[in-house]
Protein backbone atom coordinates (compact mmCIF):
# COMPACT_ATOMS: atom_id res chain seq x y z
CA UNK A 1 7.42 -6.25 -7.85
CA UNK A 2 5.56 -3.01 -8.64
CA UNK A 3 1.85 -3.44 -7.85
CA UNK A 4 2.50 -6.30 -5.42
CA UNK A 5 1.34 -6.30 -1.82
CA UNK A 6 4.11 -7.34 0.54
CA UNK A 7 4.65 -7.57 4.28
CA UNK A 8 7.17 -5.07 5.53
CA UNK A 9 8.06 -3.28 8.77
CA UNK A 10 6.29 0.08 8.44
CA UNK A 11 7.48 2.83 10.79
CA UNK A 12 5.10 4.79 12.96
CA UNK A 13 4.98 8.46 12.01
CA UNK A 14 7.03 9.38 15.10
CA UNK A 15 9.71 6.83 14.02
CA UNK A 16 9.86 5.26 17.49
CA UNK A 17 9.04 1.76 16.26
CA UNK A 18 7.81 -0.27 13.30
CA UNK A 19 5.18 -2.96 12.86
CA UNK A 20 4.95 -5.69 10.23
CA UNK A 21 2.16 -4.59 7.92
CA UNK A 22 1.02 -5.03 4.35
CA UNK A 23 2.19 -2.39 1.91
CA UNK A 24 1.84 -1.75 -1.80
CA UNK A 25 5.06 -1.55 -3.82
CA UNK A 26 4.82 1.61 -5.93
CA UNK A 27 8.46 1.65 -7.08
CA UNK A 28 11.26 -0.90 -7.17
CA UNK A 29 14.81 0.34 -7.34
CA UNK A 30 18.01 -1.66 -7.36
CA UNK A 31 18.29 -1.89 -3.56
CA UNK A 32 15.16 -0.17 -2.26
CA UNK A 33 11.39 -0.25 -2.52
CA UNK A 34 9.02 2.66 -2.21
CA UNK A 35 5.85 1.43 -0.57
CA UNK A 36 2.49 2.81 0.53
CA UNK A 37 1.03 1.63 3.84
CA UNK A 38 -2.16 -0.42 4.06
CA UNK A 39 -4.28 -0.35 7.21
CA UNK A 40 -7.58 -1.73 8.47
CA UNK A 41 -8.12 1.43 10.53
CA UNK A 42 -11.11 3.16 8.99
CA UNK A 43 -10.93 6.57 10.66
CA UNK A 44 -9.07 9.44 9.02
CA UNK A 45 -9.90 8.07 5.58
CA UNK A 46 -9.59 10.70 2.87
CA UNK A 47 -11.40 9.55 -0.30
CA UNK A 48 -9.55 12.08 -2.45
CA UNK A 49 -6.23 10.29 -1.91
CA UNK A 50 -6.86 7.03 0.00
CA UNK A 51 -8.03 3.85 -1.73
CA UNK A 52 -10.64 1.68 0.00
CA UNK A 53 -10.15 -2.04 -0.66
CA UNK A 54 -13.38 -3.72 0.39
CA UNK A 55 -14.17 -7.40 0.70
CA UNK A 56 -17.05 -6.84 -1.73
CA UNK A 57 -14.61 -5.76 -4.45
CA UNK A 58 -14.22 -8.54 -7.06
CA UNK A 59 -10.44 -7.98 -6.98
CA UNK A 60 -10.20 -8.18 -3.17
CA UNK A 61 -9.05 -11.82 -3.07
CA UNK A 62 -6.09 -11.07 -5.35
CA UNK A 63 -4.76 -8.67 -2.71
CA UNK A 64 -4.11 -11.34 -0.10
CA UNK A 65 -5.51 -9.02 2.57
CA UNK A 66 -7.54 -10.58 5.38
CA UNK A 67 -10.02 -7.73 5.92
CA UNK A 68 -11.32 -4.58 4.30
CA UNK A 69 -8.45 -2.10 4.24
CA UNK A 70 -7.37 1.38 3.23
CA UNK A 71 -4.35 2.02 1.05
CA UNK A 72 -2.77 5.22 2.38
CA UNK A 73 -1.06 6.82 -0.62
CA UNK A 74 0.20 9.64 1.61
CA UNK A 75 1.92 7.21 4.02
CA UNK A 76 4.93 6.34 1.91
CA UNK A 77 8.21 4.81 3.02
CA UNK A 78 11.45 3.86 1.32
CA UNK A 79 12.76 0.55 2.61
CA UNK A 80 15.54 -1.84 1.70
CA UNK A 81 14.37 -4.77 -0.41
CA UNK A 82 15.78 -7.25 2.08
CA UNK A 83 13.27 -6.02 4.70
CA UNK A 84 10.35 -7.38 2.67
CA UNK A 85 8.95 -10.42 4.49
CA UNK A 86 7.14 -11.83 1.48
CA UNK A 87 4.49 -11.17 -1.12
CA UNK A 88 0.86 -11.77 -0.19
CA UNK A 89 -0.97 -10.51 -3.28
CA UNK A 90 -1.33 -7.76 -5.84
CA UNK A 91 -3.62 -5.03 -7.07
CA UNK A 92 -4.99 -5.14 -10.58
CA UNK A 93 -7.74 -3.80 -12.79
CA UNK A 94 -9.95 -1.06 -11.36
CA UNK A 95 -7.97 -0.90 -8.09
CA UNK A 96 -4.73 -0.31 -9.99
CA UNK A 97 -6.42 2.36 -12.13
CA UNK A 98 -7.71 4.15 -9.02
CA UNK A 99 -4.25 4.04 -7.41
CA UNK A 100 -2.62 5.46 -10.54
CA UNK A 101 -5.18 8.28 -10.80
CA UNK A 102 -4.80 9.28 -7.16
CA UNK A 103 -1.01 9.06 -7.21
CA UNK A 104 -0.93 11.35 -10.22
CA UNK A 105 -3.17 13.83 -8.40
CA UNK A 106 -1.04 13.65 -5.23
CA UNK A 107 2.38 13.98 -6.88
CA UNK A 108 1.63 16.24 -9.80
CA UNK A 109 3.31 19.61 -9.29
């Protein structure tokens, strides 16, 4: 499931509620998934750690997303696998390479 884009309830940062949103699976454990949020909101985009997924990207249609989006690698959640509402697409090629580079930069100590 790693690298797949799924629909999952993503909590707001204040934890008062959650909304069904696309998310990228960055780790699959036995019972849980670690996912990064995907949003169409284009303000507060930080190119050094966010990944823009534009409709002009040749890999866009593999993602299953409906509009240009931003993958927020700093908005990470751990959720139970059974909360996943389904798979809509995947990232591959250059997008996957960019995600891996930025995740290394973010999490390297």
